N, C-alpha and C. Protein backbone atom coordinates (compact mmCIF):
# COMPACT_ATOMS: atom_id res chain seq x y z
N MET A 1 -213.53 -77.66 45.62
CA MET A 1 -213.09 -78.14 44.41
C MET A 1 -211.51 -78.40 44.56
N LEU A 2 -210.78 -77.76 45.21
CA LEU A 2 -209.44 -77.93 45.45
C LEU A 2 -209.07 -79.21 46.25
N LEU A 3 -209.81 -79.36 47.23
CA LEU A 3 -209.75 -80.65 48.04
C LEU A 3 -210.07 -81.79 47.38
N ALA A 4 -211.17 -81.63 46.56
CA ALA A 4 -211.39 -83.00 45.61
C ALA A 4 -210.61 -83.13 44.94
N GLY A 5 -209.87 -82.18 44.13
CA GLY A 5 -208.78 -82.70 43.29
C GLY A 5 -207.84 -83.09 43.86
N LEU A 6 -207.45 -82.71 45.10
CA LEU A 6 -206.23 -83.43 45.89
C LEU A 6 -206.55 -84.89 46.06
N LEU A 7 -207.72 -84.84 46.49
CA LEU A 7 -208.21 -86.44 46.88
C LEU A 7 -208.20 -87.26 45.75
N ILE A 8 -208.75 -86.91 44.61
CA ILE A 8 -208.65 -87.79 43.35
C ILE A 8 -207.31 -88.29 43.20
N LEU A 9 -206.08 -87.37 43.53
CA LEU A 9 -204.86 -87.69 43.20
C LEU A 9 -204.59 -89.11 44.35
N ASN A 10 -205.33 -89.02 45.39
CA ASN A 10 -204.91 -90.16 46.35
C ASN A 10 -206.05 -91.30 46.36
N LEU A 11 -206.48 -91.39 45.28
CA LEU A 11 -207.63 -92.35 45.43
C LEU A 11 -207.32 -93.73 46.10
N ASP A 12 -206.25 -94.06 45.56
CA ASP A 12 -205.61 -95.48 46.05
C ASP A 12 -205.55 -95.66 47.79
N GLU A 13 -205.53 -94.25 48.32
CA GLU A 13 -205.30 -94.52 49.75
C GLU A 13 -206.28 -93.45 50.44
N ILE A 14 -207.57 -93.37 49.78
CA ILE A 14 -208.63 -92.39 50.07
C ILE A 14 -208.95 -92.57 51.71
N GLU A 15 -208.80 -93.87 51.94
CA GLU A 15 -209.49 -94.33 53.54
C GLU A 15 -208.43 -93.81 54.41
N ASN A 16 -207.24 -93.37 54.14
CA ASN A 16 -206.23 -93.09 54.95
C ASN A 16 -206.16 -91.44 54.82
N MET A 17 -207.02 -90.77 54.20
CA MET A 17 -207.15 -89.25 54.10
C MET A 17 -207.81 -88.66 55.07
N LEU A 18 -208.87 -89.31 55.73
CA LEU A 18 -209.67 -88.81 56.80
C LEU A 18 -208.94 -88.18 57.88
N PRO A 19 -207.88 -88.57 58.52
CA PRO A 19 -207.36 -87.88 59.56
C PRO A 19 -206.74 -86.42 59.01
N ILE A 20 -206.40 -86.55 57.84
CA ILE A 20 -205.65 -85.31 57.11
C ILE A 20 -206.80 -84.23 56.89
N ILE A 21 -207.93 -84.77 56.60
CA ILE A 21 -209.11 -83.67 56.30
C ILE A 21 -209.59 -83.03 57.62
N LYS A 22 -209.57 -84.31 58.55
CA LYS A 22 -209.72 -83.57 60.11
C LYS A 22 -209.09 -82.40 60.65
N SER A 23 -207.74 -82.65 60.15
CA SER A 23 -206.90 -81.85 60.82
C SER A 23 -207.13 -80.43 59.82
N MET A 24 -207.21 -80.72 58.51
CA MET A 24 -207.31 -79.41 57.74
C MET A 24 -208.71 -78.62 58.39
N CYS A 25 -209.82 -79.48 58.75
CA CYS A 25 -210.99 -78.70 59.07
C CYS A 25 -210.65 -78.01 60.43
N GLU A 26 -209.86 -78.68 61.31
CA GLU A 26 -209.56 -77.99 62.86
C GLU A 26 -208.92 -76.78 62.43
N CYS A 27 -207.83 -76.78 61.64
CA CYS A 27 -206.95 -75.58 61.34
C CYS A 27 -207.92 -74.59 60.57
N GLY A 28 -208.66 -74.83 59.53
CA GLY A 28 -209.52 -73.84 59.03
C GLY A 28 -210.50 -73.04 60.20
N ASN A 29 -211.06 -74.07 61.02
CA ASN A 29 -211.95 -73.49 61.92
C ASN A 29 -210.93 -72.56 62.68
N SER A 30 -210.07 -72.93 63.03
CA SER A 30 -209.37 -72.18 64.12
C SER A 30 -208.82 -70.63 63.65
N ILE A 31 -208.59 -70.67 62.34
CA ILE A 31 -208.31 -69.40 61.59
C ILE A 31 -209.43 -68.54 61.47
N ILE A 32 -210.60 -68.93 61.47
CA ILE A 32 -211.94 -68.15 61.28
C ILE A 32 -212.10 -67.80 62.78
N LYS A 33 -212.27 -68.77 63.80
CA LYS A 33 -212.71 -68.37 64.96
C LYS A 33 -211.74 -67.59 65.90
N GLU A 34 -210.31 -67.75 65.75
CA GLU A 34 -209.30 -67.00 66.53
C GLU A 34 -208.79 -65.88 66.04
N ASN A 35 -208.83 -65.71 64.55
CA ASN A 35 -208.27 -64.66 63.93
C ASN A 35 -209.17 -63.76 63.16
N LEU A 36 -210.52 -63.98 63.40
CA LEU A 36 -211.35 -63.17 62.39
C LEU A 36 -211.08 -61.54 62.74
N SER A 37 -211.26 -61.20 63.94
CA SER A 37 -211.04 -59.74 64.41
C SER A 37 -209.68 -59.22 63.76
N LYS A 38 -208.71 -59.98 64.08
CA LYS A 38 -207.38 -59.73 63.59
C LYS A 38 -207.32 -59.25 62.08
N LEU A 39 -207.74 -60.32 61.36
CA LEU A 39 -207.71 -60.07 59.89
C LEU A 39 -208.72 -58.90 59.42
N LYS A 40 -209.83 -58.68 60.28
CA LYS A 40 -210.70 -57.54 59.84
C LYS A 40 -209.79 -56.18 60.36
N SER A 41 -208.95 -56.24 60.99
CA SER A 41 -208.20 -55.09 61.50
C SER A 41 -207.11 -54.84 60.44
N ILE A 42 -206.66 -55.82 60.13
CA ILE A 42 -205.63 -55.83 58.90
C ILE A 42 -206.32 -55.32 57.64
N ALA A 43 -207.54 -55.60 57.31
CA ALA A 43 -207.95 -55.04 56.05
C ALA A 43 -208.29 -53.82 56.22
N ALA A 44 -208.55 -53.36 57.42
CA ALA A 44 -208.83 -51.75 57.67
C ALA A 44 -207.59 -50.79 57.48
N ILE A 45 -206.43 -51.47 57.19
CA ILE A 45 -205.12 -50.76 57.22
C ILE A 45 -205.16 -50.06 55.87
N ASP A 46 -204.83 -48.75 55.37
CA ASP A 46 -204.75 -48.21 54.25
C ASP A 46 -203.72 -48.51 53.50
N PHE A 47 -203.59 -49.72 53.13
CA PHE A 47 -202.69 -50.23 51.93
C PHE A 47 -203.07 -50.15 50.88
N LYS A 48 -202.12 -49.81 49.81
CA LYS A 48 -202.63 -49.64 48.35
C LYS A 48 -202.04 -50.79 47.56
N ARG A 49 -200.93 -51.53 48.13
CA ARG A 49 -200.26 -52.42 47.41
C ARG A 49 -200.47 -53.86 48.47
N ALA A 50 -200.29 -54.90 47.84
CA ALA A 50 -200.29 -56.21 48.69
C ALA A 50 -199.32 -57.20 47.93
N VAL A 51 -198.40 -57.67 48.53
CA VAL A 51 -197.43 -58.76 48.19
C VAL A 51 -197.60 -60.12 48.72
N PHE A 52 -197.93 -61.17 47.95
CA PHE A 52 -198.08 -62.53 48.68
C PHE A 52 -196.85 -63.39 48.07
N LEU A 53 -196.13 -63.98 49.17
CA LEU A 53 -195.01 -64.74 48.78
C LEU A 53 -195.07 -66.16 49.18
N GLY A 54 -194.69 -67.03 48.66
CA GLY A 54 -194.94 -68.53 49.05
C GLY A 54 -193.94 -69.41 48.35
N SER A 55 -193.39 -70.63 48.80
CA SER A 55 -192.31 -71.41 48.42
C SER A 55 -193.11 -72.92 48.13
N GLY A 56 -192.44 -73.45 47.15
CA GLY A 56 -193.06 -74.75 46.67
C GLY A 56 -194.81 -74.70 46.29
N PRO A 57 -195.39 -75.60 47.13
CA PRO A 57 -196.90 -75.58 46.76
C PRO A 57 -197.55 -74.13 47.23
N LEU A 58 -196.98 -73.57 48.24
CA LEU A 58 -197.50 -72.12 48.52
C LEU A 58 -197.38 -71.21 47.52
N PHE A 59 -196.53 -71.29 46.43
CA PHE A 59 -196.36 -70.33 45.60
C PHE A 59 -197.65 -70.26 44.78
N GLY A 60 -198.41 -71.28 44.52
CA GLY A 60 -199.60 -71.36 43.90
C GLY A 60 -200.70 -70.51 44.95
N VAL A 61 -200.61 -70.73 46.19
CA VAL A 61 -201.48 -70.09 47.03
C VAL A 61 -201.30 -68.45 46.66
N ALA A 62 -199.93 -68.05 46.84
CA ALA A 62 -199.59 -66.83 46.67
C ALA A 62 -200.35 -66.21 45.45
N HIS A 63 -200.13 -66.93 44.37
CA HIS A 63 -200.83 -66.53 43.12
C HIS A 63 -202.37 -66.22 43.38
N GLU A 64 -203.26 -67.37 43.93
CA GLU A 64 -204.56 -67.17 44.23
C GLU A 64 -204.95 -66.00 45.10
N SER A 65 -203.83 -65.78 46.10
CA SER A 65 -204.19 -64.80 47.12
C SER A 65 -204.18 -63.60 46.66
N HIS A 66 -203.25 -63.19 45.64
CA HIS A 66 -203.27 -61.79 45.10
C HIS A 66 -204.14 -61.56 44.11
N LEU A 67 -204.75 -62.63 43.37
CA LEU A 67 -206.04 -62.44 42.90
C LEU A 67 -207.20 -61.95 43.35
N LYS A 68 -207.37 -62.89 44.89
CA LYS A 68 -208.60 -62.71 45.33
C LYS A 68 -208.60 -61.34 45.79
N VAL A 69 -207.41 -60.47 46.54
CA VAL A 69 -207.55 -59.48 47.20
C VAL A 69 -207.66 -58.35 46.33
N GLN A 70 -207.21 -58.46 45.13
CA GLN A 70 -207.20 -57.53 43.94
C GLN A 70 -208.60 -57.46 43.47
N GLU A 71 -209.19 -58.69 43.26
CA GLU A 71 -210.44 -58.75 42.42
C GLU A 71 -211.56 -58.06 43.54
N LEU A 72 -211.24 -58.32 45.01
CA LEU A 72 -212.42 -57.99 45.68
C LEU A 72 -212.35 -56.52 46.22
N SER A 73 -210.99 -55.97 46.10
CA SER A 73 -211.04 -54.29 46.26
C SER A 73 -211.06 -53.49 45.03
N ASP A 74 -211.72 -54.25 43.78
CA ASP A 74 -211.86 -53.74 42.54
C ASP A 74 -210.65 -52.95 42.06
N GLY A 75 -209.47 -53.65 42.47
CA GLY A 75 -208.07 -53.00 41.86
C GLY A 75 -207.92 -51.72 42.63
N LYS A 76 -208.50 -51.43 43.79
CA LYS A 76 -207.90 -50.45 44.57
C LYS A 76 -206.70 -50.67 45.05
N VAL A 77 -206.54 -52.16 45.35
CA VAL A 77 -205.36 -52.64 45.99
C VAL A 77 -204.60 -53.46 44.81
N ILE A 78 -203.73 -52.89 44.43
CA ILE A 78 -202.66 -53.53 43.46
C ILE A 78 -201.71 -54.65 43.98
N CYS A 79 -201.75 -55.86 43.66
CA CYS A 79 -201.43 -56.98 44.24
C CYS A 79 -200.53 -57.73 43.28
N LYS A 80 -199.49 -58.29 43.93
CA LYS A 80 -198.38 -59.06 43.20
C LYS A 80 -198.04 -60.23 44.13
N TYR A 81 -197.60 -61.32 43.48
CA TYR A 81 -197.13 -62.51 44.18
C TYR A 81 -195.89 -63.03 43.33
N ASP A 82 -195.15 -63.92 44.34
CA ASP A 82 -193.81 -64.34 43.81
C ASP A 82 -193.31 -65.40 44.89
N SER A 83 -192.32 -66.12 44.46
CA SER A 83 -191.58 -67.06 45.27
C SER A 83 -190.73 -66.11 46.20
N PHE A 84 -190.18 -66.77 47.29
CA PHE A 84 -189.41 -65.96 48.10
C PHE A 84 -188.04 -65.70 47.62
N LEU A 85 -187.52 -66.75 46.67
CA LEU A 85 -186.18 -66.46 46.09
C LEU A 85 -186.35 -65.43 44.69
N GLY A 86 -187.44 -65.60 44.01
CA GLY A 86 -187.96 -64.71 43.04
C GLY A 86 -188.20 -63.15 43.38
N PHE A 87 -188.36 -62.98 44.72
CA PHE A 87 -188.60 -61.53 45.10
C PHE A 87 -187.46 -60.90 45.41
N ARG A 88 -186.31 -61.55 45.57
CA ARG A 88 -185.45 -60.95 46.14
C ARG A 88 -184.60 -59.83 45.32
N HIS A 89 -184.79 -59.64 44.24
CA HIS A 89 -184.08 -58.45 43.57
C HIS A 89 -185.19 -57.36 42.85
N GLY A 90 -185.24 -57.41 41.55
CA GLY A 90 -185.84 -56.48 40.93
C GLY A 90 -187.47 -56.31 41.58
N PRO A 91 -188.36 -57.32 41.89
CA PRO A 91 -189.52 -57.30 42.37
C PRO A 91 -189.72 -56.47 43.59
N ARG A 92 -188.61 -56.65 44.40
CA ARG A 92 -188.66 -55.87 45.67
C ARG A 92 -189.02 -54.21 45.39
N ALA A 93 -188.91 -53.90 44.35
CA ALA A 93 -188.92 -52.41 44.13
C ALA A 93 -190.38 -51.95 44.42
N VAL A 94 -191.38 -52.77 44.47
CA VAL A 94 -192.74 -52.29 44.54
C VAL A 94 -193.03 -52.01 46.11
N ILE A 95 -192.03 -52.64 47.15
CA ILE A 95 -192.36 -52.04 48.48
C ILE A 95 -192.23 -50.63 48.75
N ASP A 96 -193.39 -50.20 49.41
CA ASP A 96 -193.04 -48.71 50.05
C ASP A 96 -194.02 -48.76 51.23
N GLU A 97 -194.22 -47.42 51.85
CA GLU A 97 -194.96 -47.49 53.01
C GLU A 97 -196.35 -47.73 52.94
N SER A 98 -196.87 -47.87 51.81
CA SER A 98 -198.45 -48.30 51.38
C SER A 98 -198.60 -49.90 51.14
N THR A 99 -197.44 -50.76 51.60
CA THR A 99 -197.47 -52.13 50.92
C THR A 99 -197.59 -53.08 52.29
N LEU A 100 -198.59 -53.93 52.05
CA LEU A 100 -198.73 -54.97 53.04
C LEU A 100 -197.99 -56.36 52.25
N ILE A 101 -197.14 -56.96 53.13
CA ILE A 101 -196.52 -58.11 52.68
C ILE A 101 -196.84 -59.43 53.33
N VAL A 102 -197.29 -60.36 52.55
CA VAL A 102 -197.94 -61.60 53.42
C VAL A 102 -197.03 -62.75 53.02
N TYR A 103 -196.24 -63.24 54.16
CA TYR A 103 -195.48 -64.26 53.98
C TYR A 103 -195.99 -65.57 54.40
N LEU A 104 -196.33 -66.48 53.61
CA LEU A 104 -196.89 -67.73 53.59
C LEU A 104 -195.52 -68.64 53.82
N MET A 105 -195.36 -69.05 55.16
CA MET A 105 -194.41 -69.80 55.92
C MET A 105 -194.33 -71.31 55.51
N SER A 106 -193.33 -71.88 54.59
CA SER A 106 -193.16 -73.24 54.61
C SER A 106 -192.99 -73.91 55.95
N ASN A 107 -193.18 -75.26 55.82
CA ASN A 107 -192.83 -76.10 56.94
C ASN A 107 -191.47 -76.82 56.53
N ASN A 108 -191.16 -76.54 55.36
CA ASN A 108 -189.91 -77.33 54.86
C ASN A 108 -188.66 -76.65 55.48
N ALA A 109 -188.05 -77.35 56.09
CA ALA A 109 -186.88 -76.64 56.83
C ALA A 109 -185.62 -76.12 55.92
N TYR A 110 -185.61 -76.71 54.74
CA TYR A 110 -184.51 -76.18 54.00
C TYR A 110 -185.00 -74.92 53.01
N ALA A 111 -186.48 -74.92 52.77
CA ALA A 111 -186.73 -73.60 51.99
C ALA A 111 -186.93 -72.70 53.11
N ARG A 112 -187.02 -72.96 54.21
CA ARG A 112 -187.33 -71.81 55.35
C ARG A 112 -186.23 -70.91 55.51
N GLN A 113 -185.08 -71.43 55.27
CA GLN A 113 -183.95 -70.96 55.58
C GLN A 113 -183.98 -69.56 54.38
N TYR A 114 -184.11 -69.86 53.22
CA TYR A 114 -184.28 -68.89 52.25
C TYR A 114 -185.30 -67.91 52.74
N GLU A 115 -186.31 -68.18 53.17
CA GLU A 115 -187.62 -67.44 53.37
C GLU A 115 -187.10 -66.40 54.60
N LEU A 116 -186.34 -66.89 55.82
CA LEU A 116 -185.98 -66.10 56.74
C LEU A 116 -185.06 -65.12 56.25
N ASP A 117 -184.16 -65.40 55.51
CA ASP A 117 -183.22 -64.55 54.94
C ASP A 117 -183.84 -63.22 54.15
N LEU A 118 -184.95 -63.84 53.40
CA LEU A 118 -185.39 -62.71 52.87
C LEU A 118 -186.45 -61.66 53.63
N ILE A 119 -186.97 -62.25 54.64
CA ILE A 119 -187.70 -61.56 55.75
C ILE A 119 -186.78 -60.41 56.52
N ARG A 120 -185.69 -61.19 56.86
CA ARG A 120 -184.81 -60.33 57.64
C ARG A 120 -184.15 -59.03 56.86
N SER A 121 -184.11 -59.39 55.59
CA SER A 121 -183.46 -58.55 54.72
C SER A 121 -184.46 -57.18 54.51
N ILE A 122 -185.69 -57.65 54.33
CA ILE A 122 -186.73 -56.44 54.28
C ILE A 122 -187.02 -55.86 55.51
N ASP A 123 -186.82 -56.45 56.49
CA ASP A 123 -187.07 -55.95 57.91
C ASP A 123 -185.86 -54.73 58.08
N GLU A 124 -184.77 -54.99 57.27
CA GLU A 124 -183.68 -54.07 57.64
C GLU A 124 -183.59 -52.67 56.83
N SER A 125 -184.67 -52.96 55.80
CA SER A 125 -184.85 -51.78 54.69
C SER A 125 -185.72 -50.71 55.39
N PRO A 126 -185.56 -49.66 54.74
CA PRO A 126 -186.36 -48.54 55.40
C PRO A 126 -187.66 -48.31 54.70
N ALA A 127 -188.24 -49.37 53.80
CA ALA A 127 -189.62 -49.18 53.23
C ALA A 127 -190.90 -48.82 53.98
N GLY A 128 -190.76 -49.32 55.17
CA GLY A 128 -191.87 -48.91 56.03
C GLY A 128 -193.08 -49.87 55.72
N SER A 129 -192.96 -50.85 55.29
CA SER A 129 -194.25 -51.69 54.78
C SER A 129 -194.75 -52.45 55.99
N LYS A 130 -195.98 -52.91 56.03
CA LYS A 130 -196.58 -53.83 57.01
C LYS A 130 -196.43 -55.12 56.69
N SER A 131 -196.33 -56.31 57.63
CA SER A 131 -196.37 -57.50 57.26
C SER A 131 -196.93 -58.60 57.96
N ILE A 132 -197.17 -59.52 57.52
CA ILE A 132 -198.16 -60.73 58.15
C ILE A 132 -197.24 -62.06 57.91
N GLY A 133 -196.93 -62.69 59.03
CA GLY A 133 -196.69 -64.27 58.86
C GLY A 133 -197.63 -65.23 59.05
N VAL A 134 -197.99 -66.15 58.06
CA VAL A 134 -198.81 -67.24 58.16
C VAL A 134 -198.31 -68.47 58.03
N GLY A 135 -198.76 -69.26 58.88
CA GLY A 135 -197.98 -70.63 59.16
C GLY A 135 -198.02 -71.16 60.61
N TYR A 136 -197.40 -72.41 60.55
CA TYR A 136 -197.30 -73.20 61.79
C TYR A 136 -195.98 -72.99 62.43
N ASP A 137 -195.90 -72.79 63.72
CA ASP A 137 -194.66 -72.78 64.54
C ASP A 137 -193.79 -71.57 64.07
N LEU A 138 -194.49 -70.68 64.25
CA LEU A 138 -193.86 -69.38 63.73
C LEU A 138 -192.92 -68.66 65.03
N ASP A 139 -192.95 -69.55 65.98
CA ASP A 139 -192.25 -68.87 67.12
C ASP A 139 -190.91 -69.38 67.29
N LYS A 140 -190.41 -70.19 66.33
CA LYS A 140 -189.02 -70.61 66.36
C LYS A 140 -188.01 -69.56 66.25
N GLU A 141 -188.54 -68.77 65.38
CA GLU A 141 -187.38 -67.77 64.97
C GLU A 141 -187.83 -66.23 65.62
N GLU A 142 -186.88 -65.28 66.01
CA GLU A 142 -187.46 -64.16 66.25
C GLU A 142 -187.45 -63.11 64.99
N LEU A 143 -188.80 -63.26 64.73
CA LEU A 143 -189.22 -62.29 63.36
C LEU A 143 -190.06 -61.38 63.62
N ASN A 144 -190.00 -60.18 63.08
CA ASN A 144 -190.95 -58.81 63.49
C ASN A 144 -192.02 -58.71 62.78
N PHE A 145 -192.72 -59.74 62.66
CA PHE A 145 -193.96 -59.50 61.91
C PHE A 145 -194.79 -58.43 62.60
N ASP A 146 -195.64 -57.68 61.84
CA ASP A 146 -196.89 -56.62 62.44
C ASP A 146 -197.86 -57.57 63.00
N PHE A 147 -198.09 -58.60 62.24
CA PHE A 147 -199.07 -59.80 62.52
C PHE A 147 -198.64 -60.93 62.32
N THR A 148 -199.28 -61.90 63.02
CA THR A 148 -199.18 -63.28 62.81
C THR A 148 -200.28 -64.14 62.65
N ILE A 149 -200.69 -64.97 61.76
CA ILE A 149 -201.92 -65.81 61.72
C ILE A 149 -201.39 -67.31 61.90
N LYS A 150 -201.24 -67.77 63.21
CA LYS A 150 -200.71 -69.05 63.59
C LYS A 150 -201.66 -70.27 63.46
N PHE A 151 -201.41 -71.32 62.73
CA PHE A 151 -202.12 -72.55 62.65
C PHE A 151 -201.82 -73.23 64.07
N ARG A 152 -202.72 -74.17 64.53
CA ARG A 152 -202.61 -74.85 65.80
C ARG A 152 -201.75 -76.00 65.34
N GLU A 153 -201.42 -76.88 66.25
CA GLU A 153 -200.88 -77.93 66.22
C GLU A 153 -201.09 -78.85 65.24
N CYS A 154 -202.43 -78.90 64.87
CA CYS A 154 -202.94 -79.70 63.86
C CYS A 154 -202.36 -79.84 62.44
N ALA A 155 -201.62 -78.52 62.36
CA ALA A 155 -200.77 -78.41 60.89
C ALA A 155 -199.71 -79.20 60.55
N ALA A 156 -199.17 -79.67 62.01
CA ALA A 156 -198.22 -80.59 61.81
C ALA A 156 -198.56 -81.91 61.14
N ASN A 157 -199.88 -82.33 61.02
CA ASN A 157 -200.26 -83.49 60.63
C ASN A 157 -200.67 -83.65 59.10
N ILE A 158 -200.58 -82.48 58.53
CA ILE A 158 -201.07 -81.96 57.16
C ILE A 158 -199.73 -82.11 56.12
N PRO A 159 -199.76 -83.01 55.19
CA PRO A 159 -198.77 -83.03 54.13
C PRO A 159 -198.96 -81.67 53.38
N GLU A 160 -197.60 -81.36 53.30
CA GLU A 160 -197.29 -79.93 52.53
C GLU A 160 -198.23 -79.74 51.35
N GLU A 161 -198.62 -80.79 50.29
CA GLU A 161 -199.28 -80.53 49.09
C GLU A 161 -200.78 -80.12 49.56
N PHE A 162 -201.24 -80.55 50.99
CA PHE A 162 -202.49 -80.15 51.04
C PHE A 162 -202.73 -78.61 51.82
N TYR A 163 -201.51 -78.24 51.99
CA TYR A 163 -201.50 -76.81 52.85
C TYR A 163 -202.43 -75.73 52.00
N SER A 164 -202.25 -75.74 50.79
CA SER A 164 -203.25 -74.73 50.04
C SER A 164 -204.63 -74.57 50.32
N VAL A 165 -205.36 -75.62 51.08
CA VAL A 165 -206.54 -75.54 51.33
C VAL A 165 -206.75 -74.81 52.44
N ILE A 166 -206.00 -74.60 53.49
CA ILE A 166 -206.04 -73.90 54.68
C ILE A 166 -205.08 -72.44 54.42
N TYR A 167 -204.06 -72.41 53.56
CA TYR A 167 -203.43 -70.99 53.52
C TYR A 167 -203.91 -69.93 52.78
N ILE A 168 -204.97 -70.46 52.08
CA ILE A 168 -205.71 -69.54 51.12
C ILE A 168 -206.69 -68.71 52.05
N LEU A 169 -207.20 -69.11 53.27
CA LEU A 169 -208.40 -68.38 54.04
C LEU A 169 -207.91 -66.94 54.44
N PRO A 170 -206.55 -66.81 55.03
CA PRO A 170 -206.52 -65.49 55.40
C PRO A 170 -206.71 -64.42 54.31
N ALA A 171 -205.96 -64.71 53.10
CA ALA A 171 -206.38 -63.65 51.95
C ALA A 171 -207.95 -63.63 51.61
N GLN A 172 -208.54 -64.74 51.65
CA GLN A 172 -209.97 -64.60 51.03
C GLN A 172 -210.73 -63.77 52.41
N ILE A 173 -210.24 -63.97 53.82
CA ILE A 173 -210.96 -62.96 54.68
C ILE A 173 -210.54 -61.69 54.67
N ILE A 174 -209.17 -61.29 54.30
CA ILE A 174 -208.74 -59.85 54.26
C ILE A 174 -209.51 -59.43 53.18
N GLY A 175 -209.75 -60.07 51.72
CA GLY A 175 -210.15 -59.42 50.81
C GLY A 175 -211.70 -59.14 51.03
N PHE A 176 -212.47 -59.95 51.86
CA PHE A 176 -213.83 -59.76 52.02
C PHE A 176 -213.90 -58.50 52.81
N PHE A 177 -213.32 -58.46 53.78
CA PHE A 177 -213.16 -57.03 54.63
C PHE A 177 -212.79 -55.91 53.99
N LYS A 178 -211.66 -56.07 53.36
CA LYS A 178 -211.20 -54.90 52.60
C LYS A 178 -212.37 -54.43 51.40
N SER A 179 -212.84 -55.22 50.97
CA SER A 179 -214.07 -54.99 50.09
C SER A 179 -215.15 -53.99 50.85
N LEU A 180 -215.61 -54.70 52.00
CA LEU A 180 -216.48 -53.79 52.82
C LEU A 180 -215.94 -52.45 53.11
N ASP A 181 -214.81 -52.46 53.67
CA ASP A 181 -214.09 -51.17 53.93
C ASP A 181 -214.15 -50.11 52.95
N LEU A 182 -214.08 -50.68 51.62
CA LEU A 182 -214.09 -49.56 50.55
C LEU A 182 -215.37 -49.42 49.93
N ASP A 183 -216.39 -49.82 50.69
CA ASP A 183 -217.92 -49.59 50.48
C ASP A 183 -218.38 -50.49 49.08
N LEU A 184 -217.56 -51.84 48.89
CA LEU A 184 -218.08 -52.39 47.60
C LEU A 184 -218.98 -53.74 48.14
N GLU A 185 -219.61 -54.35 47.26
CA GLU A 185 -220.28 -55.61 47.38
C GLU A 185 -219.31 -56.74 47.37
N PRO A 186 -218.84 -57.59 48.43
CA PRO A 186 -218.01 -58.65 48.18
C PRO A 186 -218.41 -59.73 47.08
N ASP A 187 -219.72 -59.79 46.86
CA ASP A 187 -220.18 -60.88 45.63
C ASP A 187 -220.10 -59.98 44.23
N SER A 188 -219.97 -58.65 44.34
CA SER A 188 -220.06 -58.25 43.04
C SER A 188 -219.11 -56.84 43.11
N PRO A 189 -217.90 -57.00 43.29
CA PRO A 189 -216.94 -55.85 43.84
C PRO A 189 -216.64 -54.89 42.49
N SER A 190 -216.94 -55.40 41.37
CA SER A 190 -216.33 -54.55 40.23
C SER A 190 -217.40 -53.58 39.74
N LYS A 191 -217.40 -52.16 40.30
CA LYS A 191 -218.41 -51.45 39.91
C LYS A 191 -218.50 -51.04 38.46
N GLY A 192 -217.47 -51.23 37.84
CA GLY A 192 -217.37 -50.94 36.47
C GLY A 192 -217.81 -51.91 35.47
N GLY A 193 -218.19 -53.06 36.06
CA GLY A 193 -218.36 -54.49 35.48
C GLY A 193 -217.43 -55.04 34.54
N SER A 194 -216.16 -54.50 34.81
CA SER A 194 -214.97 -55.27 34.24
C SER A 194 -214.86 -56.94 34.33
N ILE A 195 -215.16 -57.19 35.75
CA ILE A 195 -215.33 -58.52 36.19
C ILE A 195 -216.49 -59.06 36.48
N SER A 196 -216.76 -60.05 36.00
CA SER A 196 -218.26 -60.59 36.20
C SER A 196 -217.92 -62.33 36.78
N ARG A 197 -219.00 -62.65 37.63
CA ARG A 197 -218.87 -64.01 37.97
C ARG A 197 -218.86 -65.06 37.08
N VAL A 198 -219.47 -64.92 36.03
CA VAL A 198 -219.19 -65.85 34.90
C VAL A 198 -218.64 -65.05 33.76
N VAL A 199 -217.41 -65.86 33.25
CA VAL A 199 -216.67 -65.17 32.36
C VAL A 199 -217.13 -65.13 30.99
N GLN A 200 -217.16 -63.94 30.43
CA GLN A 200 -217.98 -63.50 29.00
C GLN A 200 -216.86 -62.99 28.02
N GLY A 201 -217.50 -63.10 26.76
CA GLY A 201 -216.70 -62.45 25.55
C GLY A 201 -215.65 -63.34 25.33
N VAL A 202 -215.47 -64.57 25.63
CA VAL A 202 -214.50 -65.56 25.25
C VAL A 202 -214.80 -66.20 23.87
N THR A 203 -214.13 -66.40 23.05
CA THR A 203 -214.20 -67.17 21.73
C THR A 203 -213.35 -68.29 21.92
N ILE A 204 -214.06 -69.51 21.60
CA ILE A 204 -213.26 -70.74 21.90
C ILE A 204 -212.88 -70.83 20.16
N TYR A 205 -211.33 -71.10 19.92
CA TYR A 205 -211.17 -71.19 18.63
C TYR A 205 -210.59 -72.66 18.33
């Protein structure tokens, strides 16, 4: 659905979209094939909180990622999302030793400067959180991520507005395995029935 929406916005150039779609497929397949066991081991960590951070188009991915993991864990993992700049002050108070921080790294060189500043600042704090770096070309800077989910070179051919299609995959996979780790059913994780696949009880005024 997301990809369809993005393509609708580019109907006038739809024939030129095929190489981009192929690159996204290649990157998506590489995440699943090359990082599945790593993502499963991340889900097995006993974290009680998860924070997803993203800049620009990846801010929306951070939002969806936090919803996905919180829902699939039936609220056992409390999640938060923010931009890198927005997280710098008060919101950082949520970080403790039970927190997993997921950095959705931008390929925008200007935005990345602010992202790196925040990451280094958090690394220097004594909070004891675990971190994941997600993105392309993560070896440029010396960063102390506990885990990295690296996209292949194919990511360089994907426009930034299309990144959301592939950047959401790590959170979806972590959420799936965390659900299993908590003895929940990923297709219906809410034991109390507070969350249903079809939204109910909404009155249209």
